[in-house]
Amino acid sequence: MTHTYDELKHKTVAELREIAKGIEHEAVKGATQMNKDHLLVALCKALNIDTFVHHHAVGIDKAAIKGKIRELKKQRDEILGSDDRKELSGVLRQIHNLKKRIRRATV
């Protein structure tokens, strides 16, 4: 039976230990002595499950926005290198807004 990280995370320690009994892997040796946090990590390692959730940006062209952010950061560095810093706050605000747009589109 295949498991997901979320599924395992919501199980009790007793259920996790029961799953670990059926697995022959170095990571789950001593599973009866592990607490839930350590047991969850060991099970994920033994079952080759990612221990984090992957997020995806939906509805935007993330690569294009990141390219624009890189350009704005170059502009920011040029402004910081010069004596005239009138445009700095505008560039920083644009970078902030683009990053916020990516975060809002993340699911």
C-alpha atoms as a PDB file:
ATOM      1  CA  MET A   1       0.000   0.000   0.000  1.00  0.00           C
ATOM      2  CA  THR A   2       1.386   3.409  -0.941  1.00  0.00           C
ATOM      3  CA  HIS A   3       1.240   6.202   1.597  1.00  0.00           C
ATOM      4  CA  THR A   4       1.491   9.965   1.345  1.00  0.00           C
ATOM      5  CA  TYR A   5       3.162  12.317   3.802  1.00  0.00           C
ATOM      6  CA  ASP A   6      -0.166  13.908   4.783  1.00  0.00           C
ATOM      7  CA  GLU A   7      -1.737  10.508   5.334  1.00  0.00           C
ATOM      8  CA  LEU A   8       1.114   9.380   7.576  1.00  0.00           C
ATOM      9  CA  LYS A   9       1.195  12.690   9.455  1.00  0.00           C
ATOM     10  CA  HIS A  10      -2.418  12.264  10.581  1.00  0.00           C
ATOM     11  CA  LYS A  11      -1.939   8.708  11.877  1.00  0.00           C
ATOM     12  CA  THR A  12      -1.288   7.889  15.513  1.00  0.00           C
ATOM     13  CA  VAL A  13       2.069   6.688  16.806  1.00  0.00           C
ATOM     14  CA  ALA A  14       0.673   3.175  17.228  1.00  0.00           C
ATOM     15  CA  GLU A  15      -0.480   3.105  13.594  1.00  0.00           C
ATOM     16  CA  LEU A  16       2.903   4.381  12.402  1.00  0.00           C
ATOM     17  CA  ARG A  17       4.705   1.720  14.432  1.00  0.00           C
ATOM     18  CA  GLU A  18       2.422  -0.925  12.907  1.00  0.00           C
ATOM     19  CA  ILE A  19       3.381   0.264   9.421  1.00  0.00           C
ATOM     20  CA  ALA A  20       7.069   0.274  10.396  1.00  0.00           C
ATOM     21  CA  LYS A  21       6.864  -3.386  11.494  1.00  0.00           C
ATOM     22  CA  GLY A  22       6.275  -4.475   7.926  1.00  0.00           C
ATOM     23  CA  ILE A  23       9.252  -2.561   6.528  1.00  0.00           C
ATOM     24  CA  GLU A  24      12.782  -3.915   6.403  1.00  0.00           C
ATOM     25  CA  HIS A  25      14.881  -0.758   6.204  1.00  0.00           C
ATOM     26  CA  GLU A  26      17.750   0.666   8.248  1.00  0.00           C
ATOM     27  CA  ALA A  27      15.831   3.905   8.909  1.00  0.00           C
ATOM     28  CA  VAL A  28      13.011   2.198  10.816  1.00  0.00           C
ATOM     29  CA  LYS A  29      15.181   0.043  13.085  1.00  0.00           C
ATOM     30  CA  GLY A  30      14.119   0.751  16.653  1.00  0.00           C
ATOM     31  CA  ALA A  31      10.747   2.140  15.584  1.00  0.00           C
ATOM     32  CA  THR A  32       9.156   1.000  18.834  1.00  0.00           C
ATOM     33  CA  GLN A  33      11.355   3.466  20.738  1.00  0.00           C
ATOM     34  CA  MET A  34      10.838   6.460  18.405  1.00  0.00           C
ATOM     35  CA  ASN A  35       8.462   9.318  19.026  1.00  0.00           C
ATOM     36  CA  LYS A  36       6.059  10.405  16.285  1.00  0.00           C
ATOM     37  CA  ASP A  37       8.320  13.066  14.743  1.00  0.00           C
ATOM     38  CA  HIS A  38      11.305  10.755  14.379  1.00  0.00           C
ATOM     39  CA  LEU A  39       9.148   7.840  13.268  1.00  0.00           C
ATOM     40  CA  LEU A  40       7.460   9.930  10.582  1.00  0.00           C
ATOM     41  CA  VAL A  41      10.813  11.008   9.132  1.00  0.00           C
ATOM     42  CA  ALA A  42      12.153   7.448   9.259  1.00  0.00           C
ATOM     43  CA  LEU A  43       9.075   6.048   7.504  1.00  0.00           C
ATOM     44  CA  CYS A  44       9.279   8.693   4.799  1.00  0.00           C
ATOM     45  CA  LYS A  45      12.924   7.854   4.241  1.00  0.00           C
ATOM     46  CA  ALA A  46      12.204   4.118   4.102  1.00  0.00           C
ATOM     47  CA  LEU A  47       9.245   4.558   1.721  1.00  0.00           C
ATOM     48  CA  ASN A  48      10.932   7.259  -0.434  1.00  0.00           C
ATOM     49  CA  ILE A  49       8.261   9.865   0.329  1.00  0.00           C
ATOM     50  CA  ASP A  50       9.012  13.592   0.262  1.00  0.00           C
ATOM     51  CA  THR A  51       8.618  15.153   3.701  1.00  0.00           C
ATOM     52  CA  PHE A  52       7.454  18.473   2.332  1.00  0.00           C
ATOM     53  CA  VAL A  53       4.678  19.740   0.105  1.00  0.00           C
ATOM     54  CA  HIS A  54       5.485  21.003  -3.369  1.00  0.00           C
ATOM     55  CA  HIS A  55       3.772  24.269  -4.285  1.00  0.00           C
ATOM     56  CA  HIS A  56       2.973  25.380  -7.809  1.00  0.00           C
ATOM     57  CA  ALA A  57       2.148  28.816  -9.189  1.00  0.00           C
ATOM     58  CA  VAL A  58      -1.103  28.659 -11.138  1.00  0.00           C
ATOM     59  CA  GLY A  59      -2.406  31.161 -13.674  1.00  0.00           C
ATOM     60  CA  ILE A  60       0.786  33.181 -14.162  1.00  0.00           C
ATOM     61  CA  ASP A  61       4.000  32.910 -16.141  1.00  0.00           C
ATOM     62  CA  LYS A  62       6.348  32.443 -13.203  1.00  0.00           C
ATOM     63  CA  ALA A  63       9.493  32.289 -15.356  1.00  0.00           C
ATOM     64  CA  ALA A  64       8.721  35.641 -16.979  1.00  0.00           C
ATOM     65  CA  ILE A  65       8.027  37.274 -13.618  1.00  0.00           C
ATOM     66  CA  LYS A  66      11.265  35.906 -12.166  1.00  0.00           C
ATOM     67  CA  GLY A  67      13.141  37.233 -15.204  1.00  0.00           C
ATOM     68  CA  LYS A  68      11.636  40.676 -14.599  1.00  0.00           C
ATOM     69  CA  ILE A  69      12.656  40.465 -10.923  1.00  0.00           C
ATOM     70  CA  ARG A  70      16.261  39.656 -11.956  1.00  0.00           C
ATOM     71  CA  GLU A  71      16.296  42.690 -14.274  1.00  0.00           C
ATOM     72  CA  LEU A  72      14.934  44.912 -11.507  1.00  0.00           C
ATOM     73  CA  LYS A  73      17.565  43.611  -9.083  1.00  0.00           C
ATOM     74  CA  LYS A  74      20.298  44.565 -11.563  1.00  0.00           C
ATOM     75  CA  GLN A  75      18.711  48.005 -11.806  1.00  0.00           C
ATOM     76  CA  ARG A  76      18.608  48.192  -8.000  1.00  0.00           C
ATOM     77  CA  ASP A  77      22.306  47.340  -7.757  1.00  0.00           C
ATOM     78  CA  GLU A  78      23.164  50.035 -10.317  1.00  0.00           C
ATOM     79  CA  ILE A  79      21.138  52.604  -8.375  1.00  0.00           C
ATOM     80  CA  LEU A  80      22.824  51.616  -5.119  1.00  0.00           C
ATOM     81  CA  GLY A  81      26.217  52.040  -6.810  1.00  0.00           C
ATOM     82  CA  SER A  82      25.395  55.567  -7.958  1.00  0.00           C
ATOM     83  CA  ASP A  83      24.798  58.719  -5.941  1.00  0.00           C
ATOM     84  CA  ASP A  84      21.285  59.335  -7.315  1.00  0.00           C
ATOM     85  CA  ARG A  85      18.786  57.196  -5.409  1.00  0.00           C
ATOM     86  CA  LYS A  86      15.495  58.795  -6.450  1.00  0.00           C
ATOM     87  CA  GLU A  87      14.357  55.713  -8.373  1.00  0.00           C
ATOM     88  CA  LEU A  88      15.336  53.195  -5.681  1.00  0.00           C
ATOM     89  CA  SER A  89      12.008  53.079  -3.845  1.00  0.00           C
ATOM     90  CA  GLY A  90      10.099  52.546  -7.110  1.00  0.00           C
ATOM     91  CA  VAL A  91      12.326  49.636  -8.133  1.00  0.00           C
ATOM     92  CA  LEU A  92      12.103  48.051  -4.677  1.00  0.00           C
ATOM     93  CA  ARG A  93       8.311  48.406  -4.743  1.00  0.00           C
ATOM     94  CA  GLN A  94       8.136  46.718  -8.166  1.00  0.00           C
ATOM     95  CA  ILE A  95      10.259  43.805  -6.914  1.00  0.00           C
ATOM     96  CA  HIS A  96       8.018  43.489  -3.859  1.00  0.00           C
ATOM     97  CA  ASN A  97       4.826  43.517  -5.941  1.00  0.00           C
ATOM     98  CA  LEU A  98       6.122  40.887  -8.365  1.00  0.00           C
ATOM     99  CA  LYS A  99       7.119  38.581  -5.512  1.00  0.00           C
ATOM    100  CA  LYS A 100       3.713  39.099  -3.934  1.00  0.00           C
ATOM    101  CA  ARG A 101       2.032  38.195  -7.224  1.00  0.00           C
ATOM    102  CA  ILE A 102       3.948  34.892  -7.321  1.00  0.00           C
ATOM    103  CA  ARG A 103       3.022  34.112  -3.697  1.00  0.00           C
ATOM    104  CA  ARG A 104      -0.668  34.830  -4.345  1.00  0.00           C
ATOM    105  CA  ALA A 105      -0.701  32.453  -7.321  1.00  0.00           C
ATOM    106  CA  THR A 106       0.939  29.633  -5.374  1.00  0.00           C
ATOM    107  CA  VAL A 107      -1.300  26.667  -4.605  1.00  0.00           C
END
